[in-house]
Amino acid sequence: MTSFRSVAAAGTLPEACAEVARVLTTAGYDLPSVYLLSDGRLRCVEAIGYYQLVDGYPPGVGIIGGVVASGRPRLIPDVSQVPEFIAARPDIAAEACAPVVLDGEVVGAINVEATTSLPGDVLACLQDAAEALSCWLSAAGGMPPVPLAQRLARVAVELTSLTDVPQIEQRAARAAAELSGMPTAAVLQAGGSGWYVAAAHGPLADAVRRWSHEDIETIAGSVAAGTSSHVAGAAAPPASYEFLREAGAGVFTAHPMIVAGAVTGVLIAADNASEPAPRDAASAEREAVLELLAAQTAACLGAARAVQELRRLAVTDPLTDLPNAAAFARDLDAAAAAARSQRFQPQACLLLDVDEFKAINDSQGHLAGDDLLAALAGELRRELRAPDRLYRIGGDEFAAIVYVADPAAVGHVGGRLLVAASRTAATVSIGGALVGGDARSARGRADEALYAAKRAGRDRFDLSADQT
């Protein structure tokens, strides 16, 4: 029987893993490897007999990742029959793997592969090896911590993958707590109405959310020069920092989020500890990591807001700030889909056209025409209810999608829009149609009704007779 007693004498974790692999090769297993979890991925700590290694398995991926995810050993007599097998060598025929369990948690796996076949007792041997490595880890105090730099890099990748501003803020707050070792963290942002708490995480989160604009401005002022700020908790805070004591934040750190040279936000972490942790190399490393996290968060938020603005501009008319033709087509398709499902209140499509607009441009100039369109947009928008939507879809063409109970209600909406237009220096002609299951049909029927209104003398509403 193979003995792994020699593993206990190893001085370091790499040495213990190397001894496990050495004993396995002595027992006749030519291709052993040892994987341990680090920051959510399986890292190869030791392997013998390989020219190329497969590393960074997420749990659940491949044979090794599957064993770690399930916590159960596995013997694969013929890897060609297993779709999840990942080959490090082209000549592998069989594989066996056993999980390494520490304090009830799977922390890694010990694996062997073979170019021919594996004996039936291979899993018992691997489980003995896993038990020996688990005992070594337990005696050493457990798994080694993931380096802060590696954890920061993982968070940075996650932040970069996000495009939603609130998601970025929430992830940054959680990351600040994770990396600082303090239970509470928050992202503070500057907005049009002043400073506010954009995201908060941890046991003091509710107290932090109650901070006023003036409270947060005090914090922002302490990092305005681009430096970080720390409240050690050793001395009584001045009156301007009383809000920290009221929130229970005995130890506190703040780091500026800088965009284009200006502090636009602050990343904070806080603890209710009454005694500060000692200032040492480890605390300096944490503070440097939080500064980098604040910088990464600021960059990701800037990019996300730029993407949001581009998306907004793609569906917004710049003159009136109304949704444009692309947004109208998208929403009309959605209204038609709702009509097909019969799940929502009926909607109607209205098309509006300014009467004699060319004459206004010719006589008064295009700037006057632009002013008229902007004024008209404002009046029409004020006349619609909150769920209804108004669009500018062309030069002097507008559209609306409104919720209605029946065809008569469409006429009431059309009448209100005529009154709204009369408050400007122009009149409009309007055509309307109920939205059925086909968006193109609804727009076509509304267009026909619009031209019927124009033919009838303009400054009027016409409802499509065909409501299918």
Protein backbone atom coordinates (compact mmCIF):
# COMPACT_ATOMS: atom_id res chain seq x y z
CA MET A 1 0.00 0.00 0.00
CA THR A 2 1.33 3.44 -0.92
CA SER A 3 2.25 5.60 2.08
CA PHE A 4 2.11 9.38 2.05
CA ARG A 5 3.50 9.85 5.59
CA SER A 6 6.48 11.76 4.15
CA VAL A 7 4.17 14.61 3.13
CA ALA A 8 3.86 15.68 6.77
CA ALA A 9 7.56 16.55 6.90
CA ALA A 10 7.33 19.13 4.10
CA GLY A 11 8.22 22.67 5.12
CA THR A 12 6.08 24.61 2.61
CA LEU A 13 2.91 24.02 0.64
CA PRO A 14 4.75 23.66 -2.71
CA GLU A 15 7.05 21.13 -1.06
CA ALA A 16 4.06 19.18 0.29
CA CYS A 17 2.44 19.10 -3.17
CA ALA A 18 5.75 18.06 -4.76
CA GLU A 19 6.07 15.21 -2.25
CA VAL A 20 2.54 14.00 -3.05
CA ALA A 21 3.43 13.92 -6.75
CA ARG A 22 6.78 12.20 -6.07
CA VAL A 23 5.14 9.42 -4.02
CA LEU A 24 2.58 8.86 -6.76
CA THR A 25 5.28 8.45 -9.39
CA THR A 26 7.12 6.04 -7.12
CA ALA A 27 3.89 4.05 -6.91
CA GLY A 28 3.83 3.80 -10.71
CA TYR A 29 1.64 6.74 -11.69
CA ASP A 30 3.70 8.58 -14.30
CA LEU A 31 1.48 11.64 -14.78
CA PRO A 32 0.41 13.04 -11.38
CA SER A 33 -0.69 16.62 -10.72
CA VAL A 34 -1.91 18.61 -7.72
CA TYR A 35 -4.39 21.48 -8.08
CA LEU A 36 -5.50 23.89 -5.35
CA LEU A 37 -8.20 26.57 -5.40
CA SER A 38 -6.96 30.14 -5.45
CA ASP A 39 -9.36 33.03 -5.91
CA GLY A 40 -12.04 30.80 -7.39
CA ARG A 41 -9.84 28.89 -9.85
CA LEU A 42 -7.85 25.68 -9.69
CA ARG A 43 -4.12 26.32 -9.98
CA CYS A 44 -1.59 23.61 -10.72
CA VAL A 45 0.88 23.60 -7.84
CA GLU A 46 2.81 20.50 -8.95
CA ALA A 47 2.84 18.18 -11.98
CA ILE A 48 5.24 15.52 -13.28
CA GLY A 49 5.59 14.20 -16.81
CA TYR A 50 3.91 17.03 -18.71
CA TYR A 51 5.32 19.24 -21.44
CA GLN A 52 2.17 21.40 -21.38
CA LEU A 53 -0.17 22.05 -18.45
CA VAL A 54 -3.84 23.00 -18.28
CA ASP A 55 -4.28 25.59 -15.53
CA GLY A 56 -6.91 27.93 -14.13
CA TYR A 57 -9.85 25.49 -14.14
CA PRO A 58 -13.07 27.05 -12.86
CA PRO A 59 -14.89 24.55 -10.63
CA GLY A 60 -17.17 22.46 -12.82
CA VAL A 61 -14.95 22.63 -15.91
CA GLY A 62 -13.10 19.52 -17.08
CA ILE A 63 -12.64 16.33 -15.07
CA ILE A 64 -10.67 18.09 -12.34
CA GLY A 65 -13.09 21.02 -12.07
CA GLY A 66 -16.02 18.60 -12.00
CA VAL A 67 -14.51 16.62 -9.11
CA VAL A 68 -13.95 19.84 -7.15
CA ALA A 69 -17.50 21.01 -7.84
CA SER A 70 -19.08 17.69 -6.85
CA GLY A 71 -16.68 16.73 -4.07
CA ARG A 72 -16.66 13.13 -5.34
CA PRO A 73 -13.68 11.16 -6.73
CA ARG A 74 -13.88 9.94 -10.31
CA LEU A 75 -12.19 7.29 -12.45
CA ILE A 76 -12.41 7.62 -16.25
CA PRO A 77 -11.23 4.35 -17.90
CA ASP A 78 -11.60 5.84 -21.41
CA VAL A 79 -11.36 9.62 -21.68
CA SER A 80 -12.45 9.53 -25.34
CA GLN A 81 -15.95 8.75 -24.08
CA VAL A 82 -16.13 11.79 -21.80
CA PRO A 83 -16.96 15.13 -23.53
CA GLU A 84 -15.70 17.28 -20.64
CA PHE A 85 -12.19 15.81 -20.76
CA ILE A 86 -9.54 18.47 -21.46
CA ALA A 87 -6.32 17.05 -22.91
CA ALA A 88 -2.91 18.31 -21.83
CA ARG A 89 -1.31 15.51 -23.89
CA PRO A 90 -2.71 13.89 -27.04
CA ASP A 91 -1.91 10.35 -25.87
CA ILE A 92 -3.93 10.24 -22.63
CA ALA A 93 -6.20 7.20 -22.32
CA ALA A 94 -7.41 7.25 -18.71
CA GLU A 95 -7.74 9.71 -15.83
CA ALA A 96 -8.54 9.55 -12.12
CA CYS A 97 -9.10 12.41 -9.70
CA ALA A 98 -9.91 12.83 -5.99
CA PRO A 99 -10.91 16.00 -4.11
CA VAL A 100 -8.81 17.56 -1.36
CA VAL A 101 -11.16 18.46 1.51
CA LEU A 102 -10.28 20.81 4.35
CA ASP A 103 -12.73 21.49 7.20
CA GLY A 104 -15.59 20.20 5.08
CA GLU A 105 -14.75 22.39 2.07
CA VAL A 106 -13.22 21.17 -1.20
CA VAL A 107 -10.00 23.14 -1.70
CA GLY A 108 -8.36 21.25 -4.55
CA ALA A 109 -7.81 17.92 -6.27
CA ILE A 110 -5.12 15.31 -6.89
CA ASN A 111 -5.13 13.89 -10.39
CA VAL A 112 -3.35 11.16 -12.33
CA GLU A 113 -3.48 10.38 -16.03
CA ALA A 114 -2.17 7.42 -18.00
CA THR A 115 -1.42 6.57 -21.61
CA THR A 116 -2.74 3.01 -21.14
CA SER A 117 -5.03 2.05 -18.24
CA LEU A 118 -5.26 2.78 -14.53
CA PRO A 119 -5.56 0.09 -11.82
CA GLY A 120 -8.82 -0.35 -9.98
CA ASP A 121 -7.35 0.82 -6.66
CA VAL A 122 -6.19 4.15 -8.07
CA LEU A 123 -8.99 6.13 -6.36
CA ALA A 124 -8.09 4.69 -2.96
CA CYS A 125 -4.50 5.75 -3.51
CA LEU A 126 -5.54 9.28 -4.58
CA GLN A 127 -7.84 9.62 -1.60
CA ASP A 128 -4.96 8.70 0.71
CA ALA A 129 -2.84 11.35 -1.01
CA ALA A 130 -5.64 13.91 -0.65
CA GLU A 131 -6.00 13.09 3.04
CA ALA A 132 -2.25 13.52 3.58
CA LEU A 133 -2.29 16.93 1.88
CA SER A 134 -5.39 17.96 3.84
CA CYS A 135 -3.64 17.06 7.10
CA TRP A 136 -0.62 19.12 6.08
CA LEU A 137 -2.84 22.12 5.29
CA SER A 138 -4.68 21.79 8.58
CA ALA A 139 -1.42 21.68 10.53
CA ALA A 140 -0.19 24.73 8.61
CA GLY A 141 -3.26 26.73 9.55
CA GLY A 142 -5.30 26.27 6.37
CA MET A 143 -5.10 27.46 2.81
CA PRO A 144 -2.75 30.35 2.13
CA PRO A 145 -4.51 33.67 1.55
CA VAL A 146 -4.92 34.90 -1.99
CA PRO A 147 -2.52 37.82 -2.56
CA LEU A 148 -4.24 41.20 -2.45
CA ALA A 149 -2.87 42.11 -5.88
CA GLN A 150 -4.44 39.00 -7.39
CA ARG A 151 -7.77 39.69 -5.71
CA LEU A 152 -7.68 43.28 -6.98
CA ALA A 153 -6.94 42.07 -10.50
CA ARG A 154 -9.94 39.72 -10.36
CA VAL A 155 -12.21 42.55 -9.21
CA ALA A 156 -10.83 44.83 -11.93
CA VAL A 157 -11.74 42.26 -14.57
CA GLU A 158 -15.27 42.00 -13.14
CA LEU A 159 -15.70 45.77 -13.07
CA THR A 160 -14.48 46.13 -16.64
CA SER A 161 -17.06 43.59 -17.82
CA LEU A 162 -19.95 45.63 -16.37
CA THR A 163 -21.70 48.40 -18.30
CA ASP A 164 -24.51 49.25 -15.86
CA VAL A 165 -23.59 52.12 -13.54
CA PRO A 166 -25.44 50.86 -10.41
CA GLN A 167 -23.92 47.39 -10.86
CA ILE A 168 -20.42 48.89 -11.02
CA GLU A 169 -21.07 50.95 -7.89
CA GLN A 170 -22.43 47.96 -5.96
CA ARG A 171 -19.55 45.69 -7.01
CA ALA A 172 -17.00 48.35 -6.08
CA ALA A 173 -18.54 48.74 -2.62
CA ARG A 174 -18.44 44.98 -2.01
CA ALA A 175 -14.88 44.80 -3.30
CA ALA A 176 -13.75 47.61 -1.00
CA ALA A 177 -15.05 45.65 1.98
CA GLU A 178 -13.44 42.44 0.73
CA LEU A 179 -10.03 44.01 0.07
CA SER A 180 -9.87 46.33 3.07
CA GLY A 181 -10.80 43.70 5.65
CA MET A 182 -13.41 46.14 6.98
CA PRO A 183 -17.04 45.02 6.94
CA THR A 184 -18.62 48.21 5.56
CA ALA A 185 -17.81 50.07 2.36
CA ALA A 186 -19.55 52.55 0.09
CA VAL A 187 -19.26 54.54 -3.11
CA LEU A 188 -20.00 58.26 -2.72
CA GLN A 189 -20.74 60.25 -5.86
CA ALA A 190 -21.14 63.88 -6.87
CA GLY A 191 -24.36 64.62 -8.77
CA GLY A 192 -26.30 67.60 -10.00
CA SER A 193 -27.95 68.11 -6.61
CA GLY A 194 -24.83 67.45 -4.55
CA TRP A 195 -23.03 64.51 -2.99
CA TYR A 196 -24.93 61.28 -2.34
CA VAL A 197 -24.37 57.63 -1.38
CA ALA A 198 -24.48 55.68 -4.65
CA ALA A 199 -23.94 52.24 -3.10
CA ALA A 200 -23.32 50.90 0.39
CA HIS A 201 -22.47 47.43 1.67
CA GLY A 202 -22.13 45.92 5.12
CA PRO A 203 -23.52 46.29 8.64
CA LEU A 204 -23.14 50.09 8.74
CA ALA A 205 -24.67 50.58 5.27
CA ASP A 206 -27.99 51.98 6.51
CA ALA A 207 -26.23 54.52 8.73
CA VAL A 208 -23.97 55.54 5.84
CA ARG A 209 -26.98 56.05 3.55
CA ARG A 210 -28.33 58.59 6.05
CA TRP A 211 -25.32 60.86 5.60
CA SER A 212 -26.22 64.30 4.28
CA HIS A 213 -24.70 66.15 1.37
CA GLU A 214 -22.66 68.17 3.88
CA ASP A 215 -21.38 65.03 5.61
CA ILE A 216 -20.17 63.51 2.34
CA GLU A 217 -18.76 66.85 1.23
CA THR A 218 -16.58 66.79 4.35
CA ILE A 219 -15.18 63.41 3.30
CA ALA A 220 -14.71 64.58 -0.28
CA GLY A 221 -12.86 67.65 0.97
CA SER A 222 -10.37 65.44 2.80
CA VAL A 223 -9.34 63.78 -0.49
CA ALA A 224 -9.78 66.78 -2.81
CA ALA A 225 -6.04 66.96 -3.49
CA GLY A 226 -6.05 63.38 -4.79
CA THR A 227 -4.70 61.94 -1.54
CA SER A 228 -6.31 59.26 0.63
CA SER A 229 -7.62 59.94 4.12
CA HIS A 230 -7.69 57.71 7.22
CA VAL A 231 -9.46 58.02 10.55
CA ALA A 232 -7.56 55.80 12.96
CA GLY A 233 -10.10 55.94 15.77
CA ALA A 234 -7.47 56.67 18.38
CA ALA A 235 -8.50 60.27 19.04
CA ALA A 236 -11.90 61.94 19.41
CA PRO A 237 -13.18 63.26 16.05
CA PRO A 238 -13.71 67.00 15.52
CA ALA A 239 -17.27 68.29 15.37
CA SER A 240 -17.31 68.16 11.56
CA TYR A 241 -16.70 64.39 11.72
CA GLU A 242 -19.37 63.65 14.31
CA PHE A 243 -21.41 61.86 11.63
CA LEU A 244 -18.73 59.14 11.55
CA ARG A 245 -19.17 58.45 15.25
CA GLU A 246 -22.96 58.47 14.90
CA ALA A 247 -22.68 55.89 12.10
CA GLY A 248 -20.49 53.71 14.31
CA ALA A 249 -17.41 54.12 12.11
CA GLY A 250 -14.51 53.99 14.54
CA VAL A 251 -11.94 53.18 11.84
CA PHE A 252 -12.45 54.76 8.44
CA THR A 253 -10.59 55.17 5.15
CA ALA A 254 -11.44 57.26 2.06
CA HIS A 255 -9.93 57.17 -1.42
CA PRO A 256 -10.65 59.61 -4.26
CA MET A 257 -12.24 58.54 -7.54
CA ILE A 258 -10.72 60.87 -10.11
CA VAL A 259 -11.96 61.53 -13.65
CA ALA A 260 -10.09 64.02 -15.89
CA GLY A 261 -8.23 65.43 -12.90
CA ALA A 262 -11.36 66.08 -10.81
CA VAL A 263 -12.59 64.13 -7.79
CA THR A 264 -16.04 62.90 -8.84
CA GLY A 265 -16.48 60.25 -6.18
CA VAL A 266 -15.01 58.70 -3.05
CA LEU A 267 -14.55 55.04 -2.18
CA ILE A 268 -14.75 54.44 1.56
CA ALA A 269 -14.35 51.52 3.95
CA ALA A 270 -15.31 51.57 7.62
CA ASP A 271 -15.28 49.42 10.73
CA ASN A 272 -16.92 49.89 14.12
CA ALA A 273 -13.71 48.81 15.85
CA SER A 274 -12.79 51.06 18.76
CA GLU A 275 -9.08 50.35 18.48
CA PRO A 276 -7.20 50.95 15.20
CA ALA A 277 -5.18 48.21 13.58
CA PRO A 278 -1.40 48.73 13.73
CA ARG A 279 0.20 50.66 10.90
CA ASP A 280 2.45 48.16 9.17
CA ALA A 281 3.42 46.88 5.72
CA ALA A 282 0.15 44.95 5.43
CA SER A 283 -1.99 48.02 6.13
CA ALA A 284 0.06 50.06 3.64
CA GLU A 285 -0.54 47.36 1.01
CA ARG A 286 -4.30 47.39 1.67
CA GLU A 287 -4.43 51.17 1.33
CA ALA A 288 -2.52 51.04 -1.96
CA VAL A 289 -4.91 48.38 -3.24
CA LEU A 290 -7.94 50.50 -2.27
CA GLU A 291 -6.45 53.49 -4.09
CA LEU A 292 -6.09 51.37 -7.21
CA LEU A 293 -9.64 50.05 -6.76
CA ALA A 294 -10.95 53.63 -6.52
CA ALA A 295 -9.10 54.55 -9.71
CA GLN A 296 -10.41 51.46 -11.53
CA THR A 297 -13.95 52.16 -10.35
CA ALA A 298 -13.77 55.74 -11.57
CA ALA A 299 -12.51 54.61 -14.99
CA CYS A 300 -15.22 51.95 -15.33
CA LEU A 301 -17.96 54.37 -14.29
CA GLY A 302 -16.69 56.92 -16.79
CA ALA A 303 -16.71 54.34 -19.57
CA ALA A 304 -20.17 53.07 -18.59
CA ARG A 305 -21.62 56.57 -18.56
CA ALA A 306 -20.08 57.27 -21.96
CA VAL A 307 -21.65 54.09 -23.33
CA GLN A 308 -25.01 55.05 -21.81
CA GLU A 309 -24.80 58.50 -23.38
CA LEU A 310 -23.96 57.02 -26.78
CA ARG A 311 -26.93 54.70 -26.47
CA ARG A 312 -29.14 57.62 -25.51
CA LEU A 313 -27.93 59.71 -28.40
CA ALA A 314 -28.53 56.82 -30.78
CA VAL A 315 -32.26 56.95 -30.01
CA THR A 316 -32.65 60.68 -29.22
CA ASP A 317 -33.41 63.63 -31.47
CA PRO A 318 -30.86 66.36 -30.59
CA LEU A 319 -33.16 69.31 -31.35
CA THR A 320 -36.16 68.33 -29.22
CA ASP A 321 -34.53 65.76 -26.91
CA LEU A 322 -37.38 63.42 -27.85
CA PRO A 323 -36.85 59.77 -28.78
CA ASN A 324 -36.12 59.49 -32.51
CA ALA A 325 -37.37 57.35 -35.38
CA ALA A 326 -35.30 54.35 -34.30
CA ALA A 327 -36.83 54.47 -30.82
CA PHE A 328 -40.31 54.82 -32.33
CA ALA A 329 -39.82 51.75 -34.53
CA ARG A 330 -38.53 49.75 -31.56
CA ASP A 331 -41.40 50.76 -29.29
CA LEU A 332 -44.01 50.22 -31.99
CA ASP A 333 -42.70 46.68 -32.45
CA ALA A 334 -43.03 46.18 -28.69
CA ALA A 335 -46.59 47.50 -28.75
CA ALA A 336 -47.47 45.09 -31.56
CA ALA A 337 -45.93 42.20 -29.61
CA ALA A 338 -48.03 43.19 -26.58
CA ALA A 339 -51.14 43.26 -28.75
CA ARG A 340 -50.38 39.75 -30.01
CA SER A 341 -50.02 38.48 -26.46
CA GLN A 342 -53.18 40.32 -25.34
CA ARG A 343 -51.55 40.90 -21.98
CA PHE A 344 -51.64 44.70 -21.86
CA GLN A 345 -54.05 47.58 -22.36
CA PRO A 346 -54.51 48.43 -26.07
CA GLN A 347 -52.21 51.06 -27.54
CA ALA A 348 -52.60 53.46 -30.43
CA CYS A 349 -50.13 54.91 -32.91
CA LEU A 350 -50.51 58.60 -33.82
CA LEU A 351 -48.56 60.37 -36.58
CA LEU A 352 -48.36 64.19 -36.55
CA ASP A 353 -47.21 66.53 -39.31
CA VAL A 354 -46.75 70.32 -39.04
CA ASP A 355 -49.01 72.10 -41.50
CA GLU A 356 -47.22 74.26 -44.12
CA PHE A 357 -43.86 73.87 -42.36
CA LYS A 358 -41.89 74.52 -45.53
CA ALA A 359 -43.53 77.91 -45.83
CA ILE A 360 -42.41 78.76 -42.28
CA ASN A 361 -38.81 77.82 -43.08
CA ASP A 362 -38.92 79.74 -46.37
CA SER A 363 -40.39 82.90 -44.88
CA GLN A 364 -38.79 83.00 -41.43
CA GLY A 365 -35.63 80.89 -41.82
CA HIS A 366 -34.56 77.51 -40.60
CA LEU A 367 -33.64 78.74 -37.12
CA ALA A 368 -37.21 79.92 -36.65
CA GLY A 369 -38.38 76.54 -37.88
CA ASP A 370 -36.15 74.81 -35.33
CA ASP A 371 -37.50 77.03 -32.55
CA LEU A 372 -41.04 76.16 -33.59
CA LEU A 373 -40.33 72.41 -33.56
CA ALA A 374 -38.74 72.65 -30.10
CA ALA A 375 -41.70 74.63 -28.76
CA LEU A 376 -44.17 72.23 -30.35
CA ALA A 377 -42.38 69.26 -28.83
CA GLY A 378 -42.67 70.81 -25.38
CA GLU A 379 -46.39 71.50 -25.73
CA LEU A 380 -47.19 68.04 -27.11
CA ARG A 381 -45.14 66.32 -24.40
CA ARG A 382 -46.98 68.21 -21.65
CA GLU A 383 -50.31 67.02 -23.03
CA LEU A 384 -49.48 63.32 -22.84
CA ARG A 385 -49.74 61.19 -19.72
CA ALA A 386 -46.68 59.58 -18.12
CA PRO A 387 -46.95 56.14 -19.78
CA ASP A 388 -47.48 57.63 -23.25
CA ARG A 389 -44.49 58.39 -25.46
CA LEU A 390 -43.80 61.18 -27.96
CA TYR A 391 -41.18 60.98 -30.76
CA ARG A 392 -39.70 63.20 -33.45
CA ILE A 393 -39.32 60.88 -36.43
CA GLY A 394 -38.44 63.31 -39.22
CA GLY A 395 -38.03 66.98 -40.14
CA ASP A 396 -41.49 68.19 -39.12
CA GLU A 397 -42.93 64.78 -38.30
CA PHE A 398 -43.81 63.57 -34.83
CA ALA A 399 -45.33 60.36 -33.56
CA ALA A 400 -46.91 59.15 -30.35
CA ILE A 401 -47.70 55.75 -28.85
CA VAL A 402 -50.45 56.03 -26.26
CA TYR A 403 -52.42 53.68 -24.05
CA VAL A 404 -56.15 53.77 -24.85
CA ALA A 405 -59.27 51.86 -23.86
CA ASP A 406 -61.05 52.01 -27.24
CA PRO A 407 -61.08 53.92 -30.58
CA ALA A 408 -63.01 56.81 -29.02
CA ALA A 409 -60.16 57.35 -26.57
CA VAL A 410 -57.77 57.70 -29.52
CA GLY A 411 -59.87 60.59 -30.73
CA HIS A 412 -59.73 62.26 -27.31
CA VAL A 413 -55.92 62.05 -27.35
CA GLY A 414 -55.81 63.44 -30.89
CA GLY A 415 -58.03 66.34 -29.84
CA ARG A 416 -55.80 67.20 -26.89
CA LEU A 417 -52.74 67.22 -29.14
CA LEU A 418 -54.45 69.60 -31.58
CA VAL A 419 -55.16 71.97 -28.68
CA ALA A 420 -51.54 71.67 -27.53
CA ALA A 421 -50.25 72.54 -31.00
CA SER A 422 -52.55 75.58 -31.14
CA ARG A 423 -50.53 77.09 -28.31
CA THR A 424 -47.61 77.47 -30.73
CA ALA A 425 -47.29 79.38 -34.00
CA ALA A 426 -48.36 76.38 -36.07
CA THR A 427 -51.07 73.78 -36.51
CA VAL A 428 -50.71 70.05 -37.04
CA SER A 429 -52.55 67.30 -38.83
CA ILE A 430 -52.85 63.99 -36.99
CA GLY A 431 -53.67 60.44 -38.04
CA GLY A 432 -54.23 57.60 -35.60
CA ALA A 433 -54.74 53.84 -35.56
CA LEU A 434 -55.03 51.17 -32.93
CA VAL A 435 -51.95 48.95 -32.76
CA GLY A 436 -52.72 45.36 -33.66
CA GLY A 437 -50.33 42.47 -33.98
CA ASP A 438 -48.41 44.02 -36.90
CA ALA A 439 -46.38 47.20 -36.34
CA ARG A 440 -45.98 47.96 -40.05
CA SER A 441 -49.73 47.74 -40.57
CA ALA A 442 -50.43 50.09 -37.63
CA ARG A 443 -48.01 52.69 -38.95
CA GLY A 444 -49.41 52.40 -42.46
CA ARG A 445 -52.99 52.89 -41.27
CA ALA A 446 -52.01 55.88 -39.13
CA ASP A 447 -50.18 57.37 -42.12
CA GLU A 448 -53.26 56.98 -44.32
CA ALA A 449 -55.37 58.70 -41.66
CA LEU A 450 -52.81 61.54 -41.45
CA TYR A 451 -53.07 62.25 -45.17
CA ALA A 452 -56.85 62.04 -44.96
CA ALA A 453 -56.71 64.80 -42.32
CA LYS A 454 -54.51 66.92 -44.60
CA ARG A 455 -56.82 66.41 -47.54
CA ALA A 456 -59.76 67.44 -45.37
CA GLY A 457 -58.20 70.83 -44.66
CA ARG A 458 -55.39 70.26 -42.09
CA ASP A 459 -55.42 71.19 -38.39
CA ARG A 460 -57.50 68.14 -37.60
CA PHE A 461 -57.38 64.52 -36.42
CA ASP A 462 -58.47 61.49 -38.42
CA LEU A 463 -58.80 57.94 -37.08
CA SER A 464 -58.18 55.00 -39.38
CA ALA A 465 -61.43 53.25 -40.17
CA ASP A 466 -59.57 49.95 -40.41
CA GLN A 467 -58.71 48.95 -36.83
CA THR A 468 -57.37 45.47 -37.61
